Amino acid sequence: MPVRSGWLSPDSQTREDTRLVSLGALTAVSPVATRSGILPGSADGQTRLSGFTVQGVANSMTATVSPGRAIVQGADAQGAYPAALTESLTLTFADGDAQYDRIDLVVLRIYDDAYDASGRTEAAVEVVRGTPAATPAAPATPALALPLYEARIPKGASAAQAPNWTTALTGRRTATVALGGILPVTTDTANGAHPGQYRDLSGVLQRWTGSAWADYQPPVPVESTATGATAGTDWSVNSYAARRAHGVCSFTLGLTRTGANITATAAGTTNPGNVNDVLIATLPAGWRPAGETYAIATDGFADGAARITPDGSVYLVTWSTSGVIQTGNSLRLSACFVL
């Protein structure tokens, strides 16, 4: 049989059964119980949950179930049943009602005669037929079963007038992963098993706080330095502090003028505010902009702009018209840029 279950047969468990099914510490729902679900993964890595995918066959009342592995949890004392579908399986849906639509439920079901007196001891993928109605609803999930898909069967449906399987099938699968693994979910709203559990909700990583799922914001690695900046001629560095994270850097630099006064050109002259691009400092390697950028500079009496080049050179390029940076004045500048 293509549907296998481990630790279920009263006679024996084959070596193939043992190798194919999974059992272990999976996503918990209690100290001794495991979350029922499909084990995630796909052959090409493009699909979060490919096991037990149901696809309708065009122009027919049949559907194909893809191979996969799963866990179906019973009562706490009963334990969890690992199951595996090793090859594609064909399901057949009954023809539609003459008057109303109905919704069938496709399930992975465990029969265990020791607990359900069913006379069967096996795993099966089967269709639970719904009740035709003006407003149909899916039937209840049987005990010890994992819902896979709902299938809406239109009134009058048959092989000659088959359902539109593209819209008729609605996924009901849920996933389970190893304890501590990130649980892939789509519309699943179940609570977490413990504070600190993670899940991936359609590409958004969330963490269970103990009372709610919260989007997880990983700590941002931040580096900082206070050394490495060097002064230009006739300047001295009195402070430097830089921080960088995710390829973005910000810094503040304090300098003292040790040379002669610098006087910017006056208003009404050629290039008012010009200070002849004075090299005032050089930033350390690894803390320099990827492209030319500018910083705001001030000495507390006037202000101007500094140009920072990819080689770390910092040039004072403009100053308040007729402004004077006197010997002994402290100049402060800051900027933020992409490394």
Protein backbone atom coordinates (compact mmCIF):
# COMPACT_ATOMS: atom_id res chain seq x y z
CA MET A 1 0.00 0.00 0.00
CA PRO A 2 1.29 3.53 -0.76
CA VAL A 3 -0.04 4.89 2.57
CA ARG A 4 2.11 3.67 5.45
CA SER A 5 2.06 4.24 9.19
CA GLY A 6 4.69 3.37 11.75
CA TRP A 7 4.14 1.69 15.12
CA LEU A 8 0.54 0.85 14.23
CA SER A 9 0.38 -2.68 12.86
CA PRO A 10 -0.43 -5.36 15.48
CA ASP A 11 1.54 -7.88 13.46
CA SER A 12 4.81 -6.23 12.51
CA GLN A 13 6.36 -3.05 11.21
CA THR A 14 8.40 -3.51 8.08
CA ARG A 15 11.84 -2.09 7.71
CA GLU A 16 10.50 0.10 4.89
CA ASP A 17 7.78 1.46 7.20
CA THR A 18 10.36 2.40 9.79
CA ARG A 19 12.59 4.17 7.26
CA LEU A 20 9.76 6.08 5.58
CA VAL A 21 7.77 7.44 8.49
CA SER A 22 8.94 10.15 10.88
CA LEU A 23 8.64 10.16 14.62
CA GLY A 24 10.31 12.31 17.22
CA ALA A 25 10.13 15.56 19.13
CA LEU A 26 8.02 17.67 16.77
CA THR A 27 6.02 20.86 17.37
CA ALA A 28 4.40 20.39 20.78
CA VAL A 29 0.81 21.08 21.82
CA SER A 30 1.26 19.72 25.34
CA PRO A 31 4.13 18.19 27.32
CA VAL A 32 3.40 14.80 25.73
CA ALA A 33 1.48 15.59 22.53
CA THR A 34 2.62 16.67 19.08
CA ARG A 35 0.95 19.03 16.63
CA SER A 36 -0.68 17.10 13.78
CA GLY A 37 0.53 18.23 10.39
CA ILE A 38 2.42 17.72 7.17
CA LEU A 39 6.21 17.83 7.16
CA PRO A 40 7.19 20.80 4.94
CA GLY A 41 9.50 20.77 1.96
CA SER A 42 9.55 20.18 -1.78
CA ALA A 43 11.85 18.57 -4.31
CA ASP A 44 12.83 21.88 -5.93
CA GLY A 45 12.79 24.06 -2.81
CA GLN A 46 10.12 26.33 -4.32
CA THR A 47 7.12 25.20 -2.25
CA ARG A 48 6.68 25.44 1.49
CA LEU A 49 4.27 22.52 1.75
CA SER A 50 4.15 20.02 -1.11
CA GLY A 51 3.31 16.79 0.73
CA PHE A 52 -0.28 15.56 0.31
CA THR A 53 -1.08 18.17 -2.35
CA VAL A 54 -4.43 17.39 -3.99
CA GLN A 55 -4.90 18.24 -7.67
CA GLY A 56 -8.08 17.57 -9.61
CA VAL A 57 -7.90 15.67 -12.90
CA ALA A 58 -9.53 17.63 -15.73
CA ASN A 59 -12.80 16.29 -17.15
CA SER A 60 -13.19 13.71 -14.42
CA MET A 61 -14.43 13.23 -10.87
CA THR A 62 -10.97 12.21 -9.67
CA ALA A 63 -8.02 13.93 -8.02
CA THR A 64 -4.39 13.00 -7.42
CA VAL A 65 -2.74 13.18 -4.00
CA SER A 66 1.03 13.81 -3.99
CA PRO A 67 3.45 11.84 -1.78
CA GLY A 68 4.35 13.26 1.60
CA ARG A 69 4.95 12.60 5.30
CA ALA A 70 2.80 13.60 8.25
CA ILE A 71 2.05 13.15 11.93
CA VAL A 72 -1.49 12.56 13.26
CA GLN A 73 -1.82 13.05 17.03
CA GLY A 74 -4.25 11.01 19.06
CA ALA A 75 -5.17 11.54 22.71
CA ASP A 76 -2.21 12.30 24.96
CA ALA A 77 -2.01 8.72 26.25
CA GLN A 78 -2.58 7.35 22.74
CA GLY A 79 0.42 9.03 21.17
CA ALA A 80 1.24 10.33 17.70
CA TYR A 81 1.00 8.32 14.50
CA PRO A 82 3.65 8.97 11.82
CA ALA A 83 2.46 8.35 8.27
CA ALA A 84 3.91 8.48 4.78
CA LEU A 85 2.38 8.40 1.30
CA THR A 86 5.09 7.01 -0.93
CA GLU A 87 3.50 7.39 -4.37
CA SER A 88 0.74 9.40 -5.97
CA LEU A 89 -2.75 8.26 -5.03
CA THR A 90 -5.97 8.70 -7.00
CA LEU A 91 -9.20 9.65 -5.21
CA THR A 92 -12.67 9.45 -6.73
CA PHE A 93 -15.46 11.85 -5.74
CA ALA A 94 -19.11 10.85 -5.93
CA ASP A 95 -21.22 12.58 -8.56
CA GLY A 96 -22.96 15.80 -7.57
CA ASP A 97 -26.44 16.04 -6.10
CA ALA A 98 -29.26 16.83 -8.49
CA GLN A 99 -30.38 19.93 -6.56
CA TYR A 100 -27.62 21.30 -4.33
CA ASP A 101 -23.86 21.69 -4.14
CA ARG A 102 -21.96 19.86 -1.43
CA ILE A 103 -18.49 20.16 0.14
CA ASP A 104 -16.42 17.03 0.60
CA LEU A 105 -13.40 16.80 2.87
CA VAL A 106 -10.18 15.00 1.91
CA VAL A 107 -8.37 13.66 4.98
CA LEU A 108 -5.40 11.61 6.04
CA ARG A 109 -6.96 9.21 8.53
CA ILE A 110 -5.58 6.71 11.00
CA TYR A 111 -7.60 3.63 11.89
CA ASP A 112 -6.52 1.91 15.10
CA ASP A 113 -8.82 -0.90 16.14
CA ALA A 114 -7.39 -0.91 19.67
CA TYR A 115 -8.89 2.56 20.20
CA ASP A 116 -11.74 2.97 17.69
CA ALA A 117 -13.06 -0.60 17.32
CA SER A 118 -13.14 0.01 13.57
CA GLY A 119 -11.82 -3.42 12.71
CA ARG A 120 -9.06 -1.68 10.76
CA THR A 121 -5.44 -0.96 11.63
CA GLU A 122 -4.03 1.24 8.89
CA ALA A 123 -3.55 4.72 7.50
CA ALA A 124 -5.65 5.97 4.59
CA VAL A 125 -6.25 9.04 2.46
CA GLU A 126 -9.97 9.26 1.85
CA VAL A 127 -12.92 11.47 0.98
CA VAL A 128 -15.47 12.32 3.67
CA ARG A 129 -18.64 13.16 1.74
CA GLY A 130 -20.49 16.31 2.72
CA THR A 131 -24.24 16.94 2.78
CA PRO A 132 -25.81 18.72 -0.21
CA ALA A 133 -27.47 21.97 0.86
CA ALA A 134 -28.43 25.41 -0.38
CA THR A 135 -25.51 26.68 1.71
CA PRO A 136 -23.24 23.66 2.00
CA ALA A 137 -20.65 23.23 4.73
CA ALA A 138 -17.71 20.89 5.01
CA PRO A 139 -18.29 17.81 7.15
CA ALA A 140 -16.61 17.51 10.53
CA THR A 141 -13.09 16.08 10.52
CA PRO A 142 -13.23 12.48 11.80
CA ALA A 143 -11.36 11.53 14.93
CA LEU A 144 -7.67 10.78 14.38
CA ALA A 145 -7.65 12.45 10.98
CA LEU A 146 -5.81 15.37 9.42
CA PRO A 147 -7.82 17.56 7.00
CA LEU A 148 -6.07 18.09 3.68
CA TYR A 149 -8.51 19.82 1.31
CA GLU A 150 -12.13 20.80 0.91
CA ALA A 151 -13.68 20.02 -2.48
CA ARG A 152 -16.86 21.80 -3.59
CA ILE A 153 -18.85 19.43 -5.77
CA PRO A 154 -21.43 21.36 -7.83
CA LYS A 155 -24.94 20.07 -8.32
CA GLY A 156 -25.17 17.79 -11.32
CA ALA A 157 -21.40 17.23 -11.42
CA SER A 158 -20.19 14.09 -13.17
CA ALA A 159 -17.37 12.96 -15.41
CA ALA A 160 -19.29 14.52 -18.30
CA GLN A 161 -19.67 17.81 -16.41
CA ALA A 162 -16.71 17.81 -14.05
CA PRO A 163 -16.01 20.51 -11.43
CA ASN A 164 -13.60 23.33 -12.21
CA TRP A 165 -10.86 21.90 -10.02
CA THR A 166 -8.88 25.14 -10.08
CA THR A 167 -11.54 26.80 -7.92
CA ALA A 168 -13.23 23.75 -6.39
CA LEU A 169 -10.33 22.78 -4.11
CA THR A 170 -9.48 24.73 -0.93
CA GLY A 171 -6.38 23.81 1.08
CA ARG A 172 -6.77 22.84 4.71
CA ARG A 173 -3.29 21.41 5.36
CA THR A 174 -1.22 22.50 8.35
CA ALA A 175 2.46 21.83 8.94
CA THR A 176 4.53 20.46 11.77
CA VAL A 177 8.30 20.67 12.21
CA ALA A 178 10.97 19.42 14.58
CA LEU A 179 10.93 21.00 18.02
CA GLY A 180 12.67 24.36 17.75
CA GLY A 181 12.17 24.55 13.99
CA ILE A 182 10.42 27.45 12.28
CA LEU A 183 6.83 26.45 11.53
CA PRO A 184 5.52 27.45 8.07
CA VAL A 185 1.91 28.63 8.19
CA THR A 186 -0.49 30.48 5.90
CA THR A 187 -3.89 31.14 7.47
CA ASP A 188 -3.25 29.02 10.56
CA THR A 189 -4.11 30.96 13.75
CA ALA A 190 -3.18 28.33 16.36
CA ASN A 191 -1.36 29.45 19.48
CA GLY A 192 2.33 28.78 19.92
CA ALA A 193 3.58 25.83 21.93
CA HIS A 194 5.90 27.89 24.16
CA PRO A 195 7.25 31.43 24.49
CA GLY A 196 10.08 31.79 22.03
CA GLN A 197 8.65 29.53 19.33
CA TYR A 198 9.04 30.88 15.80
CA ARG A 199 6.83 30.60 12.76
CA ASP A 200 6.97 31.85 9.18
CA LEU A 201 3.67 33.49 8.24
CA SER A 202 3.76 33.88 4.46
CA GLY A 203 7.32 35.19 4.57
CA VAL A 204 7.07 37.14 7.85
CA LEU A 205 9.00 35.67 10.77
CA GLN A 206 6.97 35.77 14.00
CA ARG A 207 7.69 34.82 17.61
CA TRP A 208 5.21 33.53 20.17
CA THR A 209 5.32 35.76 23.28
CA GLY A 210 3.22 33.47 25.43
CA SER A 211 0.00 35.28 24.57
CA ALA A 212 0.29 36.40 20.93
CA TRP A 213 2.30 36.06 17.72
CA ALA A 214 4.48 39.13 17.22
CA ASP A 215 6.55 40.02 14.16
CA TYR A 216 10.14 39.24 15.00
CA GLN A 217 12.65 42.05 14.68
CA PRO A 218 16.15 40.59 14.85
CA PRO A 219 18.74 42.65 16.69
CA VAL A 220 20.62 44.95 14.34
CA PRO A 221 24.39 44.43 14.54
CA VAL A 222 25.92 47.85 15.18
CA GLU A 223 29.63 48.59 15.08
CA SER A 224 31.20 51.73 16.48
CA THR A 225 34.60 53.37 16.63
CA ALA A 226 36.15 56.44 18.20
CA THR A 227 39.59 56.19 16.63
CA GLY A 228 41.22 56.41 13.24
CA ALA A 229 40.31 59.91 12.09
CA THR A 230 43.38 62.03 11.33
CA ALA A 231 43.64 65.82 11.12
CA GLY A 232 44.68 67.89 8.12
CA THR A 233 47.49 70.41 8.24
CA ASP A 234 46.85 73.18 10.81
CA TRP A 235 44.02 71.18 12.45
CA SER A 236 43.84 68.74 15.36
CA VAL A 237 41.21 66.07 16.13
CA ASN A 238 39.60 66.47 19.52
CA SER A 239 36.73 63.97 19.09
CA TYR A 240 35.50 61.35 16.64
CA ALA A 241 32.62 58.88 16.96
CA ALA A 242 31.12 56.71 14.21
CA ARG A 243 28.50 53.96 14.04
CA ARG A 244 27.62 51.66 11.16
CA ALA A 245 24.91 49.06 10.55
CA HIS A 246 23.49 47.45 7.42
CA GLY A 247 25.94 49.34 5.21
CA VAL A 248 25.02 52.80 6.55
CA CYS A 249 27.42 54.92 8.60
CA SER A 250 26.98 58.09 10.65
CA PHE A 251 29.69 60.05 12.35
CA THR A 252 30.49 63.20 14.28
CA LEU A 253 33.92 64.83 14.13
CA GLY A 254 35.34 67.57 16.32
CA LEU A 255 38.39 69.57 15.18
CA THR A 256 40.38 72.50 16.52
CA ARG A 257 41.94 75.10 14.22
CA THR A 258 45.65 75.27 15.06
CA GLY A 259 46.83 77.31 12.09
CA ALA A 260 46.09 80.84 10.98
CA ASN A 261 42.58 82.26 10.79
CA ILE A 262 40.45 81.23 7.79
CA THR A 263 38.26 83.99 6.35
CA ALA A 264 35.53 83.20 3.82
CA THR A 265 35.09 85.54 0.86
CA ALA A 266 32.58 88.33 1.33
CA ALA A 267 29.14 88.73 -0.19
CA GLY A 268 29.19 90.46 -3.57
CA THR A 269 32.57 88.98 -4.51
CA THR A 270 33.32 86.08 -6.80
CA ASN A 271 32.30 82.82 -5.08
CA PRO A 272 31.04 84.34 -1.80
CA GLY A 273 31.68 82.04 1.16
CA ASN A 274 34.59 80.29 -0.57
CA VAL A 275 37.39 78.88 1.63
CA ASN A 276 39.41 77.14 -1.14
CA ASP A 277 38.48 73.53 -0.22
CA VAL A 278 40.66 73.16 2.85
CA LEU A 279 41.56 69.53 3.74
CA ILE A 280 40.62 69.36 7.39
CA ALA A 281 40.62 65.62 8.15
CA THR A 282 40.68 62.05 6.78
CA LEU A 283 38.26 59.33 7.87
CA PRO A 284 39.59 55.82 8.62
CA ALA A 285 39.34 53.01 6.05
CA GLY A 286 36.09 51.07 6.31
CA TRP A 287 34.26 54.15 7.55
CA ARG A 288 34.22 56.11 4.29
CA PRO A 289 31.32 56.80 1.88
CA ALA A 290 30.88 54.79 -1.31
CA GLY A 291 30.35 58.04 -3.20
CA GLU A 292 30.96 61.73 -2.63
CA THR A 293 28.80 63.14 0.14
CA TYR A 294 28.48 66.31 2.21
CA ALA A 295 28.41 67.20 5.89
CA ILE A 296 27.17 70.19 7.86
CA ALA A 297 29.88 72.02 9.82
CA THR A 298 29.76 74.73 12.50
CA ASP A 299 32.02 76.40 15.05
CA GLY A 300 29.18 77.91 17.05
CA PHE A 301 29.59 81.34 15.41
CA ALA A 302 29.02 80.47 11.76
CA ASP A 303 28.50 77.40 9.63
CA GLY A 304 29.26 75.83 6.30
CA ALA A 305 29.60 72.58 4.39
CA ALA A 306 32.27 69.91 4.07
CA ARG A 307 32.77 67.52 1.15
CA ILE A 308 33.69 63.90 1.92
CA THR A 309 35.24 61.80 -0.84
CA PRO A 310 35.42 57.98 -1.15
CA ASP A 311 39.09 58.06 -0.05
CA GLY A 312 37.99 59.54 3.28
CA SER A 313 39.24 63.10 2.64
CA VAL A 314 37.12 65.77 4.34
CA TYR A 315 37.32 69.22 2.72
CA LEU A 316 35.80 72.40 4.11
CA VAL A 317 34.25 73.89 0.95
CA THR A 318 31.99 76.76 2.07
CA TRP A 319 31.56 79.00 5.09
CA SER A 320 29.31 81.88 6.05
CA THR A 321 30.19 84.88 3.85
CA SER A 322 32.92 86.94 5.49
CA GLY A 323 32.93 84.41 8.37
CA VAL A 324 36.17 83.81 10.21
CA ILE A 325 37.33 80.53 11.70
CA GLN A 326 39.79 81.78 14.25
CA THR A 327 42.82 79.98 15.58
CA GLY A 328 41.67 77.88 18.56
CA ASN A 329 38.04 77.65 17.38
CA SER A 330 36.41 74.21 17.58
CA LEU A 331 34.74 72.96 14.39
CA ARG A 332 32.11 70.23 14.57
CA LEU A 333 30.63 68.34 11.63
CA SER A 334 28.41 65.32 11.10
CA ALA A 335 27.01 63.26 8.24
CA CYS A 336 25.27 59.97 7.39
CA PHE A 337 26.07 58.01 4.25
CA VAL A 338 26.16 54.62 2.56
CA LEU A 339 29.45 52.81 2.93
